[in-house]
Amino acid sequence: MHKQVEAVINLLGVIVAVTDEVPRVLVVDHGDQCALPNGPFNPPDHASLEDGLRRLIEAQTGLGLFYVEQLYTFGNRNRDPAEIDGGARVVSVAYIALTHEDHVVGDNVRWADWYQFLPWEDWRDGRPDVISESIEPALQRWVGRANNPQRRKNRQERRNVTFGDRSSAEMDAVLSLERFELLYEVGLVSEAQRDALTISDASAGSAKAALNKNMGTPMAFDHRRVLATALGRLRGKLAYRPVVFELLPGEFTLLQLQRVAEALSGAKLHKQNFRRLVINADLVEAVGRTTAVGRGRPAELFRFRREVLGEKLTVGLSRPVMRKEIA
């Protein structure tokens, strides 16, 4: 007879801002690692799951959230190591919130660079070295270890779809979760080693996997997987919903808009093509003022045309692709 496992509902927030062209995410220091802000769903106090998240984030950080959308529900076995010792299954309902980088309360709460955790996802300065130095050789060995031709073919196709083949100069920006899942399966991220130790020997206690610093900063539980999921969602939405404008002030230059779009997509965008796309899609309108930018001539200020949401079914930029070079 199987033991009945209890489950608890956890609310988890991926709180995103872009500051000085750096995509930032709110994290909570959790022992020797960090986690995404989270807490229990309390039905007597929380009118809904989203209401619960808003209350938890405000209590933990002092932030009031505006744009919020549900991301995904995470409920894999042993997400919380306490489950191995008979604890409850933790089911996390995750949300994305877009905001500005305001001051947060709490000594253990801080903003962190998104790409600190997912360094292979940032192609703004070219193809990341970690791909050629660490990821490509490990994936090639993984493909070679397949014990039959069909499995080897399947592994090679999976590698090519997520990271491109060895000669590839671009990657599909939206497949960030698929890339993290592959790196976890191959054992390249330290969470895979940590989880294997925990599951195979729950009494290992102080045993810790060696940290491969090239592969980014690990997070507690499966929160780096949650972060990769959120990144893929936001990048996908760039093509059909104007989420990027939630991260900008009310008035902005086209260069500011481009830099925020690049920060989210991890890709450099062609300046003239980007501006042509934004103008032709009627996403913005000039406000009749300029602002000083460096030593150059003043730049024209624009605002987002919210009316466009009622004019078109699909409103957004192009699907992002990370390329080695932008002409």
C-alpha atoms as a PDB file:
ATOM      1  CA  MET A   1       0.000   0.000   0.000  1.00  0.00           C
ATOM      2  CA  HIS A   2       1.421   3.336  -1.074  1.00  0.00           C
ATOM      3  CA  LYS A   3       1.921   6.028   1.508  1.00  0.00           C
ATOM      4  CA  GLN A   4      -0.406   8.961   0.932  1.00  0.00           C
ATOM      5  CA  VAL A   5       1.635  12.078   0.213  1.00  0.00           C
ATOM      6  CA  GLU A   6       0.281  15.428   1.294  1.00  0.00           C
ATOM      7  CA  ALA A   7       0.645  18.447  -0.976  1.00  0.00           C
ATOM      8  CA  VAL A   8       0.930  22.127  -0.148  1.00  0.00           C
ATOM      9  CA  ILE A   9       0.429  25.074  -2.494  1.00  0.00           C
ATOM     10  CA  ASN A  10       3.295  27.521  -2.752  1.00  0.00           C
ATOM     11  CA  LEU A  11       3.138  30.885  -4.552  1.00  0.00           C
ATOM     12  CA  LEU A  12       6.283  31.947  -6.397  1.00  0.00           C
ATOM     13  CA  GLY A  13       7.128  35.197  -8.164  1.00  0.00           C
ATOM     14  CA  VAL A  14       9.550  36.002 -10.976  1.00  0.00           C
ATOM     15  CA  ILE A  15       9.764  39.771 -10.487  1.00  0.00           C
ATOM     16  CA  VAL A  16      11.516  41.387 -13.473  1.00  0.00           C
ATOM     17  CA  ALA A  17      12.904  44.863 -14.089  1.00  0.00           C
ATOM     18  CA  VAL A  18      15.389  46.314 -16.590  1.00  0.00           C
ATOM     19  CA  THR A  19      17.778  48.919 -15.176  1.00  0.00           C
ATOM     20  CA  ASP A  20      20.557  50.565 -17.201  1.00  0.00           C
ATOM     21  CA  GLU A  21      20.146  47.901 -19.913  1.00  0.00           C
ATOM     22  CA  VAL A  22      20.546  45.080 -17.370  1.00  0.00           C
ATOM     23  CA  PRO A  23      17.641  42.625 -16.960  1.00  0.00           C
ATOM     24  CA  ARG A  24      17.155  42.192 -13.240  1.00  0.00           C
ATOM     25  CA  VAL A  25      15.252  39.666 -11.138  1.00  0.00           C
ATOM     26  CA  LEU A  26      14.337  39.861  -7.484  1.00  0.00           C
ATOM     27  CA  VAL A  27      15.918  37.130  -5.338  1.00  0.00           C
ATOM     28  CA  VAL A  28      15.905  36.147  -1.678  1.00  0.00           C
ATOM     29  CA  ASP A  29      19.104  34.832  -0.102  1.00  0.00           C
ATOM     30  CA  HIS A  30      18.396  31.303   1.102  1.00  0.00           C
ATOM     31  CA  GLY A  31      21.314  29.905   3.086  1.00  0.00           C
ATOM     32  CA  ASP A  32      24.302  29.635   0.754  1.00  0.00           C
ATOM     33  CA  GLN A  33      22.078  29.992  -2.330  1.00  0.00           C
ATOM     34  CA  CYS A  34      19.320  32.319  -3.413  1.00  0.00           C
ATOM     35  CA  ALA A  35      15.694  31.674  -4.306  1.00  0.00           C
ATOM     36  CA  LEU A  36      12.844  33.471  -5.991  1.00  0.00           C
ATOM     37  CA  PRO A  37      10.393  35.186  -3.627  1.00  0.00           C
ATOM     38  CA  ASN A  38       7.799  32.644  -2.514  1.00  0.00           C
ATOM     39  CA  GLY A  39       5.468  31.644   0.285  1.00  0.00           C
ATOM     40  CA  PRO A  40       2.447  29.523   1.141  1.00  0.00           C
ATOM     41  CA  PHE A  41      -1.037  30.039  -0.252  1.00  0.00           C
ATOM     42  CA  ASN A  42      -3.346  30.739   2.683  1.00  0.00           C
ATOM     43  CA  PRO A  43      -7.023  30.344   1.647  1.00  0.00           C
ATOM     44  CA  PRO A  44      -8.505  32.167   4.687  1.00  0.00           C
ATOM     45  CA  ASP A  45      -6.425  35.283   3.922  1.00  0.00           C
ATOM     46  CA  HIS A  46      -5.964  35.088   0.143  1.00  0.00           C
ATOM     47  CA  ALA A  47      -8.987  35.796  -2.053  1.00  0.00           C
ATOM     48  CA  SER A  48      -7.233  34.168  -5.034  1.00  0.00           C
ATOM     49  CA  LEU A  49      -3.843  32.781  -5.984  1.00  0.00           C
ATOM     50  CA  GLU A  50      -2.831  36.101  -7.556  1.00  0.00           C
ATOM     51  CA  ASP A  51      -4.053  38.029  -4.538  1.00  0.00           C
ATOM     52  CA  GLY A  52      -1.941  35.740  -2.377  1.00  0.00           C
ATOM     53  CA  LEU A  53       1.142  36.373  -4.495  1.00  0.00           C
ATOM     54  CA  ARG A  54       0.680  40.146  -4.362  1.00  0.00           C
ATOM     55  CA  ARG A  55       0.293  40.072  -0.594  1.00  0.00           C
ATOM     56  CA  LEU A  56       3.340  37.835  -0.129  1.00  0.00           C
ATOM     57  CA  ILE A  57       5.583  39.959  -2.373  1.00  0.00           C
ATOM     58  CA  GLU A  58       4.523  43.177  -0.667  1.00  0.00           C
ATOM     59  CA  ALA A  59       5.112  41.648   2.772  1.00  0.00           C
ATOM     60  CA  GLN A  60       8.545  40.237   1.827  1.00  0.00           C
ATOM     61  CA  THR A  61       9.869  43.104  -0.281  1.00  0.00           C
ATOM     62  CA  GLY A  62       7.677  46.173   0.124  1.00  0.00           C
ATOM     63  CA  LEU A  63       6.913  46.153  -3.617  1.00  0.00           C
ATOM     64  CA  GLY A  64       3.418  46.690  -4.966  1.00  0.00           C
ATOM     65  CA  LEU A  65       3.003  44.810  -8.257  1.00  0.00           C
ATOM     66  CA  PHE A  66       1.215  46.064 -11.372  1.00  0.00           C
ATOM     67  CA  TYR A  67       1.602  43.795 -14.413  1.00  0.00           C
ATOM     68  CA  VAL A  68       1.226  40.189 -13.239  1.00  0.00           C
ATOM     69  CA  GLU A  69       0.457  37.025 -15.197  1.00  0.00           C
ATOM     70  CA  GLN A  70       0.473  33.368 -14.260  1.00  0.00           C
ATOM     71  CA  LEU A  71       3.472  31.479 -15.622  1.00  0.00           C
ATOM     72  CA  TYR A  72       3.187  27.765 -14.862  1.00  0.00           C
ATOM     73  CA  THR A  73       2.542  25.255 -12.092  1.00  0.00           C
ATOM     74  CA  PHE A  74       5.561  23.264 -10.897  1.00  0.00           C
ATOM     75  CA  GLY A  75       4.900  20.040  -9.016  1.00  0.00           C
ATOM     76  CA  ASN A  76       7.652  17.506  -9.730  1.00  0.00           C
ATOM     77  CA  ARG A  77       8.526  14.976  -7.043  1.00  0.00           C
ATOM     78  CA  ASN A  78      11.271  16.069  -4.621  1.00  0.00           C
ATOM     79  CA  ARG A  79      11.254  19.712  -5.726  1.00  0.00           C
ATOM     80  CA  ASP A  80      11.676  20.388  -2.021  1.00  0.00           C
ATOM     81  CA  PRO A  81      14.290  18.025  -0.533  1.00  0.00           C
ATOM     82  CA  ALA A  82      12.149  17.743   2.614  1.00  0.00           C
ATOM     83  CA  GLU A  83       9.788  15.521   0.625  1.00  0.00           C
ATOM     84  CA  ILE A  84      12.457  12.787   0.576  1.00  0.00           C
ATOM     85  CA  ASP A  85      12.236  12.604   4.370  1.00  0.00           C
ATOM     86  CA  GLY A  86       8.453  12.355   4.328  1.00  0.00           C
ATOM     87  CA  GLY A  87       7.570  16.006   3.904  1.00  0.00           C
ATOM     88  CA  ALA A  88       4.714  17.247   1.750  1.00  0.00           C
ATOM     89  CA  ARG A  89       4.889  17.637  -2.009  1.00  0.00           C
ATOM     90  CA  VAL A  90       5.323  21.334  -2.753  1.00  0.00           C
ATOM     91  CA  VAL A  91       3.278  22.522  -5.737  1.00  0.00           C
ATOM     92  CA  SER A  92       4.354  26.017  -6.806  1.00  0.00           C
ATOM     93  CA  VAL A  93       2.050  28.268  -8.811  1.00  0.00           C
ATOM     94  CA  ALA A  94       4.477  30.700 -10.433  1.00  0.00           C
ATOM     95  CA  TYR A  95       3.784  34.200 -11.703  1.00  0.00           C
ATOM     96  CA  ILE A  96       5.720  36.764 -13.749  1.00  0.00           C
ATOM     97  CA  ALA A  97       5.553  40.395 -12.685  1.00  0.00           C
ATOM     98  CA  LEU A  98       7.084  43.285 -14.635  1.00  0.00           C
ATOM     99  CA  THR A  99       8.034  46.373 -12.682  1.00  0.00           C
ATOM    100  CA  HIS A 100      10.737  48.998 -12.150  1.00  0.00           C
ATOM    101  CA  GLU A 101      13.713  48.446  -9.879  1.00  0.00           C
ATOM    102  CA  ASP A 102      12.481  50.165  -6.755  1.00  0.00           C
ATOM    103  CA  HIS A 103      14.047  49.869  -3.312  1.00  0.00           C
ATOM    104  CA  VAL A 104      13.129  46.658  -1.510  1.00  0.00           C
ATOM    105  CA  VAL A 105      12.914  46.016   2.220  1.00  0.00           C
ATOM    106  CA  GLY A 106      14.500  43.087   3.982  1.00  0.00           C
ATOM    107  CA  ASP A 107      18.195  42.338   4.495  1.00  0.00           C
ATOM    108  CA  ASN A 108      18.010  39.123   2.463  1.00  0.00           C
ATOM    109  CA  VAL A 109      16.136  40.533  -0.554  1.00  0.00           C
ATOM    110  CA  ARG A 110      18.018  42.005  -3.507  1.00  0.00           C
ATOM    111  CA  TRP A 111      18.003  42.554  -7.258  1.00  0.00           C
ATOM    112  CA  ALA A 112      20.332  40.395  -9.376  1.00  0.00           C
ATOM    113  CA  ASP A 113      21.364  40.286 -13.028  1.00  0.00           C
ATOM    114  CA  TRP A 114      19.154  37.722 -14.803  1.00  0.00           C
ATOM    115  CA  TYR A 115      22.066  36.438 -16.897  1.00  0.00           C
ATOM    116  CA  GLN A 116      24.129  35.753 -13.779  1.00  0.00           C
ATOM    117  CA  PHE A 117      22.000  32.601 -13.551  1.00  0.00           C
ATOM    118  CA  LEU A 118      21.684  31.833 -17.290  1.00  0.00           C
ATOM    119  CA  PRO A 119      24.919  33.140 -18.886  1.00  0.00           C
ATOM    120  CA  TRP A 120      24.533  31.148 -22.138  1.00  0.00           C
ATOM    121  CA  GLU A 121      21.354  33.141 -22.875  1.00  0.00           C
ATOM    122  CA  ASP A 122      23.044  36.544 -23.330  1.00  0.00           C
ATOM    123  CA  TRP A 123      24.317  37.084 -26.897  1.00  0.00           C
ATOM    124  CA  ARG A 124      24.344  40.895 -26.835  1.00  0.00           C
ATOM    125  CA  ASP A 125      28.148  40.927 -26.954  1.00  0.00           C
ATOM    126  CA  GLY A 126      28.373  37.947 -29.280  1.00  0.00           C
ATOM    127  CA  ARG A 127      28.171  34.200 -28.775  1.00  0.00           C
ATOM    128  CA  PRO A 128      28.944  33.498 -25.084  1.00  0.00           C
ATOM    129  CA  ASP A 129      32.309  31.820 -24.463  1.00  0.00           C
ATOM    130  CA  VAL A 130      30.680  29.327 -22.100  1.00  0.00           C
ATOM    131  CA  ILE A 131      28.999  27.643 -25.081  1.00  0.00           C
ATOM    132  CA  SER A 132      32.217  26.817 -26.918  1.00  0.00           C
ATOM    133  CA  GLU A 133      34.316  26.268 -23.782  1.00  0.00           C
ATOM    134  CA  SER A 134      31.974  24.145 -21.649  1.00  0.00           C
ATOM    135  CA  ILE A 135      28.632  23.369 -23.275  1.00  0.00           C
ATOM    136  CA  GLU A 136      29.602  22.263 -26.793  1.00  0.00           C
ATOM    137  CA  PRO A 137      32.257  19.706 -25.698  1.00  0.00           C
ATOM    138  CA  ALA A 138      29.949  18.245 -23.039  1.00  0.00           C
ATOM    139  CA  LEU A 139      27.017  17.937 -25.460  1.00  0.00           C
ATOM    140  CA  GLN A 140      29.252  16.302 -28.052  1.00  0.00           C
ATOM    141  CA  ARG A 141      30.340  13.710 -25.491  1.00  0.00           C
ATOM    142  CA  TRP A 142      26.708  13.184 -24.493  1.00  0.00           C
ATOM    143  CA  VAL A 143      25.715  12.539 -28.096  1.00  0.00           C
ATOM    144  CA  GLY A 144      28.624  10.132 -28.508  1.00  0.00           C
ATOM    145  CA  ARG A 145      27.609   8.125 -25.432  1.00  0.00           C
ATOM    146  CA  ALA A 146      24.293   7.079 -26.987  1.00  0.00           C
ATOM    147  CA  ASN A 147      24.200   3.286 -27.199  1.00  0.00           C
ATOM    148  CA  ASN A 148      22.499   2.996 -30.611  1.00  0.00           C
ATOM    149  CA  PRO A 149      22.282   5.032 -33.851  1.00  0.00           C
ATOM    150  CA  GLN A 150      18.665   6.149 -33.356  1.00  0.00           C
ATOM    151  CA  ARG A 151      19.301   7.437 -29.855  1.00  0.00           C
ATOM    152  CA  ARG A 152      22.447   9.180 -31.079  1.00  0.00           C
ATOM    153  CA  LYS A 153      20.414  10.814 -33.869  1.00  0.00           C
ATOM    154  CA  ASN A 154      17.734  11.930 -31.401  1.00  0.00           C
ATOM    155  CA  ARG A 155      20.332  13.442 -29.077  1.00  0.00           C
ATOM    156  CA  GLN A 156      22.030  15.263 -31.929  1.00  0.00           C
ATOM    157  CA  GLU A 157      18.713  16.696 -33.118  1.00  0.00           C
ATOM    158  CA  ARG A 158      17.915  17.872 -29.609  1.00  0.00           C
ATOM    159  CA  ARG A 159      21.303  19.537 -29.302  1.00  0.00           C
ATOM    160  CA  ASN A 160      20.896  21.205 -32.699  1.00  0.00           C
ATOM    161  CA  VAL A 161      17.413  22.516 -31.912  1.00  0.00           C
ATOM    162  CA  THR A 162      18.378  24.010 -28.554  1.00  0.00           C
ATOM    163  CA  PHE A 163      21.972  25.192 -28.995  1.00  0.00           C
ATOM    164  CA  GLY A 164      22.518  24.821 -32.731  1.00  0.00           C
ATOM    165  CA  ASP A 165      25.147  22.571 -34.262  1.00  0.00           C
ATOM    166  CA  ARG A 166      28.850  23.221 -33.686  1.00  0.00           C
ATOM    167  CA  SER A 167      29.052  25.664 -36.610  1.00  0.00           C
ATOM    168  CA  SER A 168      25.861  27.539 -35.690  1.00  0.00           C
ATOM    169  CA  ALA A 169      26.032  31.312 -35.309  1.00  0.00           C
ATOM    170  CA  GLU A 170      22.536  31.735 -33.862  1.00  0.00           C
ATOM    171  CA  MET A 171      20.014  30.285 -31.399  1.00  0.00           C
ATOM    172  CA  ASP A 172      16.252  30.566 -31.007  1.00  0.00           C
ATOM    173  CA  ALA A 173      15.938  32.901 -28.021  1.00  0.00           C
ATOM    174  CA  VAL A 174      12.575  31.486 -26.938  1.00  0.00           C
ATOM    175  CA  LEU A 175      13.919  27.983 -26.154  1.00  0.00           C
ATOM    176  CA  SER A 176      15.536  28.952 -22.837  1.00  0.00           C
ATOM    177  CA  LEU A 177      13.686  26.288 -20.826  1.00  0.00           C
ATOM    178  CA  GLU A 178      14.573  23.559 -23.325  1.00  0.00           C
ATOM    179  CA  ARG A 179      18.231  24.566 -23.051  1.00  0.00           C
ATOM    180  CA  PHE A 180      18.182  24.462 -19.260  1.00  0.00           C
ATOM    181  CA  GLU A 181      16.439  21.076 -19.267  1.00  0.00           C
ATOM    182  CA  LEU A 182      19.119  19.694 -21.577  1.00  0.00           C
ATOM    183  CA  LEU A 183      21.956  21.087 -19.455  1.00  0.00           C
ATOM    184  CA  TYR A 184      20.317  19.588 -16.359  1.00  0.00           C
ATOM    185  CA  GLU A 185      19.930  16.173 -18.005  1.00  0.00           C
ATOM    186  CA  VAL A 186      23.536  16.167 -19.163  1.00  0.00           C
ATOM    187  CA  GLY A 187      24.664  17.196 -15.665  1.00  0.00           C
ATOM    188  CA  LEU A 188      26.243  20.508 -16.616  1.00  0.00           C
ATOM    189  CA  VAL A 189      24.414  22.652 -14.057  1.00  0.00           C
ATOM    190  CA  SER A 190      25.230  22.112 -10.408  1.00  0.00           C
ATOM    191  CA  GLU A 191      21.573  21.580  -9.477  1.00  0.00           C
ATOM    192  CA  ALA A 192      21.689  18.257 -11.341  1.00  0.00           C
ATOM    193  CA  GLN A 193      24.642  17.090  -9.252  1.00  0.00           C
ATOM    194  CA  ARG A 194      23.092  18.448  -6.049  1.00  0.00           C
ATOM    195  CA  ASP A 195      19.765  16.712  -6.698  1.00  0.00           C
ATOM    196  CA  ALA A 196      21.448  13.421  -7.575  1.00  0.00           C
ATOM    197  CA  LEU A 197      23.360  13.501  -4.282  1.00  0.00           C
ATOM    198  CA  THR A 198      20.242  14.378  -2.317  1.00  0.00           C
ATOM    199  CA  ILE A 199      18.070  11.674  -3.858  1.00  0.00           C
ATOM    200  CA  SER A 200      20.671   8.885  -3.860  1.00  0.00           C
ATOM    201  CA  ASP A 201      21.755   9.556  -0.287  1.00  0.00           C
ATOM    202  CA  ALA A 202      19.338  11.665   1.705  1.00  0.00           C
ATOM    203  CA  SER A 203      21.692  11.435   4.693  1.00  0.00           C
ATOM    204  CA  ALA A 204      24.632  12.907   2.764  1.00  0.00           C
ATOM    205  CA  GLY A 205      24.144  16.087   4.775  1.00  0.00           C
ATOM    206  CA  SER A 206      27.156  18.253   4.020  1.00  0.00           C
ATOM    207  CA  ALA A 207      27.960  16.641   0.655  1.00  0.00           C
ATOM    208  CA  LYS A 208      27.927  19.323  -2.019  1.00  0.00           C
ATOM    209  CA  ALA A 209      28.439  19.221  -5.758  1.00  0.00           C
ATOM    210  CA  ALA A 210      31.353  21.181  -7.147  1.00  0.00           C
ATOM    211  CA  LEU A 211      30.257  24.515  -8.563  1.00  0.00           C
ATOM    212  CA  ASN A 212      31.057  25.129 -12.209  1.00  0.00           C
ATOM    213  CA  LYS A 213      31.198  28.926 -12.132  1.00  0.00           C
ATOM    214  CA  ASN A 214      31.152  29.129 -15.932  1.00  0.00           C
ATOM    215  CA  MET A 215      27.664  27.652 -15.875  1.00  0.00           C
ATOM    216  CA  GLY A 216      26.095  30.438 -13.853  1.00  0.00           C
ATOM    217  CA  THR A 217      24.965  30.853 -10.273  1.00  0.00           C
ATOM    218  CA  PRO A 218      22.794  27.982  -9.003  1.00  0.00           C
ATOM    219  CA  MET A 219      19.531  28.604  -7.169  1.00  0.00           C
ATOM    220  CA  ALA A 220      17.705  26.807  -4.376  1.00  0.00           C
ATOM    221  CA  PHE A 221      15.137  24.130  -5.215  1.00  0.00           C
ATOM    222  CA  ASP A 222      14.260  24.226  -8.951  1.00  0.00           C
ATOM    223  CA  HIS A 223      14.122  27.998  -9.137  1.00  0.00           C
ATOM    224  CA  ARG A 224      16.655  28.303 -11.938  1.00  0.00           C
ATOM    225  CA  ARG A 225      14.344  26.104 -14.032  1.00  0.00           C
ATOM    226  CA  VAL A 226      11.476  28.458 -13.126  1.00  0.00           C
ATOM    227  CA  LEU A 227      13.618  31.418 -14.188  1.00  0.00           C
ATOM    228  CA  ALA A 228      14.415  29.782 -17.545  1.00  0.00           C
ATOM    229  CA  THR A 229      10.689  29.135 -18.042  1.00  0.00           C
ATOM    230  CA  ALA A 230       9.890  32.788 -17.374  1.00  0.00           C
ATOM    231  CA  LEU A 231      12.603  33.977 -19.754  1.00  0.00           C
ATOM    232  CA  GLY A 232      11.202  31.840 -22.574  1.00  0.00           C
ATOM    233  CA  ARG A 233       7.676  33.111 -21.888  1.00  0.00           C
ATOM    234  CA  LEU A 234       8.715  36.772 -21.962  1.00  0.00           C
ATOM    235  CA  ARG A 235      10.805  36.346 -25.091  1.00  0.00           C
ATOM    236  CA  GLY A 236       7.935  34.589 -26.849  1.00  0.00           C
ATOM    237  CA  LYS A 237       5.511  37.343 -25.881  1.00  0.00           C
ATOM    238  CA  LEU A 238       7.749  40.004 -27.425  1.00  0.00           C
ATOM    239  CA  ALA A 239       6.402  38.910 -30.819  1.00  0.00           C
ATOM    240  CA  TYR A 240       2.700  39.305 -30.048  1.00  0.00           C
ATOM    241  CA  ARG A 241       2.165  41.341 -26.855  1.00  0.00           C
ATOM    242  CA  PRO A 242       3.745  44.689 -25.883  1.00  0.00           C
ATOM    243  CA  VAL A 243       5.166  43.493 -22.554  1.00  0.00           C
ATOM    244  CA  VAL A 244       8.384  45.417 -23.126  1.00  0.00           C
ATOM    245  CA  PHE A 245       6.561  48.711 -22.501  1.00  0.00           C
ATOM    246  CA  GLU A 246       5.721  47.640 -18.929  1.00  0.00           C
ATOM    247  CA  LEU A 247       9.448  47.956 -18.172  1.00  0.00           C
ATOM    248  CA  LEU A 248       9.811  51.508 -19.529  1.00  0.00           C
ATOM    249  CA  PRO A 249       8.920  54.920 -18.108  1.00  0.00           C
ATOM    250  CA  GLY A 250       5.899  56.699 -19.540  1.00  0.00           C
ATOM    251  CA  GLU A 251       8.125  58.612 -21.986  1.00  0.00           C
ATOM    252  CA  PHE A 252      11.204  57.095 -23.588  1.00  0.00           C
ATOM    253  CA  THR A 253      13.507  57.309 -26.571  1.00  0.00           C
ATOM    254  CA  LEU A 254      13.536  54.680 -29.297  1.00  0.00           C
ATOM    255  CA  LEU A 255      17.056  53.777 -28.216  1.00  0.00           C
ATOM    256  CA  GLN A 256      15.801  53.098 -24.672  1.00  0.00           C
ATOM    257  CA  LEU A 257      13.061  50.902 -26.118  1.00  0.00           C
ATOM    258  CA  GLN A 258      15.581  48.996 -28.227  1.00  0.00           C
ATOM    259  CA  ARG A 259      17.940  48.454 -25.284  1.00  0.00           C
ATOM    260  CA  VAL A 260      15.159  47.038 -23.101  1.00  0.00           C
ATOM    261  CA  ALA A 261      14.056  44.718 -25.925  1.00  0.00           C
ATOM    262  CA  GLU A 262      17.675  43.592 -26.332  1.00  0.00           C
ATOM    263  CA  ALA A 263      18.039  43.007 -22.592  1.00  0.00           C
ATOM    264  CA  LEU A 264      15.026  40.673 -22.561  1.00  0.00           C
ATOM    265  CA  SER A 265      15.847  38.868 -25.795  1.00  0.00           C
ATOM    266  CA  GLY A 266      19.581  38.530 -25.130  1.00  0.00           C
ATOM    267  CA  ALA A 267      20.184  39.644 -28.706  1.00  0.00           C
ATOM    268  CA  LYS A 268      21.459  42.714 -30.495  1.00  0.00           C
ATOM    269  CA  LEU A 269      18.848  44.249 -32.790  1.00  0.00           C
ATOM    270  CA  HIS A 270      19.476  46.089 -36.047  1.00  0.00           C
ATOM    271  CA  LYS A 271      18.816  49.749 -35.204  1.00  0.00           C
ATOM    272  CA  GLN A 272      17.083  50.866 -38.392  1.00  0.00           C
ATOM    273  CA  ASN A 273      15.070  47.659 -38.826  1.00  0.00           C
ATOM    274  CA  PHE A 274      13.908  47.864 -35.216  1.00  0.00           C
ATOM    275  CA  ARG A 275      12.798  51.472 -35.520  1.00  0.00           C
ATOM    276  CA  ARG A 276      11.011  50.774 -38.796  1.00  0.00           C
ATOM    277  CA  LEU A 277       9.160  47.867 -37.189  1.00  0.00           C
ATOM    278  CA  VAL A 278       8.077  49.911 -34.170  1.00  0.00           C
ATOM    279  CA  ILE A 279       6.900  52.891 -36.228  1.00  0.00           C
ATOM    280  CA  ASN A 280       5.118  50.833 -38.898  1.00  0.00           C
ATOM    281  CA  ALA A 281       3.279  48.812 -36.239  1.00  0.00           C
ATOM    282  CA  ASP A 282       1.937  52.047 -34.696  1.00  0.00           C
ATOM    283  CA  LEU A 283       3.250  50.968 -31.305  1.00  0.00           C
ATOM    284  CA  VAL A 284       4.488  54.424 -30.320  1.00  0.00           C
ATOM    285  CA  GLU A 285       3.793  58.068 -30.960  1.00  0.00           C
ATOM    286  CA  ALA A 286       5.951  61.157 -30.490  1.00  0.00           C
ATOM    287  CA  VAL A 287       5.075  63.373 -27.508  1.00  0.00           C
ATOM    288  CA  GLY A 288       6.604  66.519 -29.004  1.00  0.00           C
ATOM    289  CA  ARG A 289       9.565  66.768 -26.648  1.00  0.00           C
ATOM    290  CA  THR A 290      13.214  65.771 -26.689  1.00  0.00           C
ATOM    291  CA  THR A 291      15.765  64.746 -24.093  1.00  0.00           C
ATOM    292  CA  ALA A 292      19.526  65.147 -23.940  1.00  0.00           C
ATOM    293  CA  VAL A 293      21.460  61.937 -24.610  1.00  0.00           C
ATOM    294  CA  GLY A 294      25.212  62.164 -24.031  1.00  0.00           C
ATOM    295  CA  ARG A 295      26.985  64.732 -26.170  1.00  0.00           C
ATOM    296  CA  GLY A 296      24.874  64.105 -29.264  1.00  0.00           C
ATOM    297  CA  ARG A 297      21.830  66.005 -30.361  1.00  0.00           C
ATOM    298  CA  PRO A 298      18.677  65.616 -28.240  1.00  0.00           C
ATOM    299  CA  ALA A 299      16.631  62.463 -28.859  1.00  0.00           C
ATOM    300  CA  GLU A 300      12.911  62.526 -29.556  1.00  0.00           C
ATOM    301  CA  LEU A 301      10.622  61.198 -26.821  1.00  0.00           C
ATOM    302  CA  PHE A 302       7.812  58.731 -27.477  1.00  0.00           C
ATOM    303  CA  ARG A 303       5.024  57.024 -25.542  1.00  0.00           C
ATOM    304  CA  PHE A 304       3.351  53.656 -25.980  1.00  0.00           C
ATOM    305  CA  ARG A 305       0.036  53.833 -27.862  1.00  0.00           C
ATOM    306  CA  ARG A 306      -2.189  51.747 -25.589  1.00  0.00           C
ATOM    307  CA  GLU A 307      -5.007  52.246 -28.088  1.00  0.00           C
ATOM    308  CA  VAL A 308      -3.231  49.784 -30.361  1.00  0.00           C
ATOM    309  CA  LEU A 309      -4.329  46.973 -28.033  1.00  0.00           C
ATOM    310  CA  GLY A 310      -7.892  47.478 -29.245  1.00  0.00           C
ATOM    311  CA  GLU A 311      -6.920  47.913 -32.874  1.00  0.00           C
ATOM    312  CA  LYS A 312      -4.988  44.702 -33.534  1.00  0.00           C
ATOM    313  CA  LEU A 313      -5.152  41.096 -32.384  1.00  0.00           C
ATOM    314  CA  THR A 314      -1.366  40.742 -32.411  1.00  0.00           C
ATOM    315  CA  VAL A 315       0.739  43.612 -31.118  1.00  0.00           C
ATOM    316  CA  GLY A 316       4.457  43.203 -30.654  1.00  0.00           C
ATOM    317  CA  LEU A 317       7.956  43.056 -32.017  1.00  0.00           C
ATOM    318  CA  SER A 318       9.561  40.216 -33.981  1.00  0.00           C
ATOM    319  CA  ARG A 319      10.392  36.801 -32.480  1.00  0.00           C
ATOM    320  CA  PRO A 320      13.917  37.210 -31.072  1.00  0.00           C
ATOM    321  CA  VAL A 321      16.844  35.264 -32.505  1.00  0.00           C
ATOM    322  CA  MET A 322      20.289  35.423 -30.902  1.00  0.00           C
ATOM    323  CA  ARG A 323      23.000  35.863 -33.538  1.00  0.00           C
ATOM    324  CA  LYS A 324      26.763  36.004 -33.354  1.00  0.00           C
ATOM    325  CA  GLU A 325      26.905  39.320 -35.191  1.00  0.00           C
ATOM    326  CA  ILE A 326      24.429  41.974 -36.308  1.00  0.00           C
ATOM    327  CA  ALA A 327      25.338  43.686 -39.548  1.00  0.00           C
END
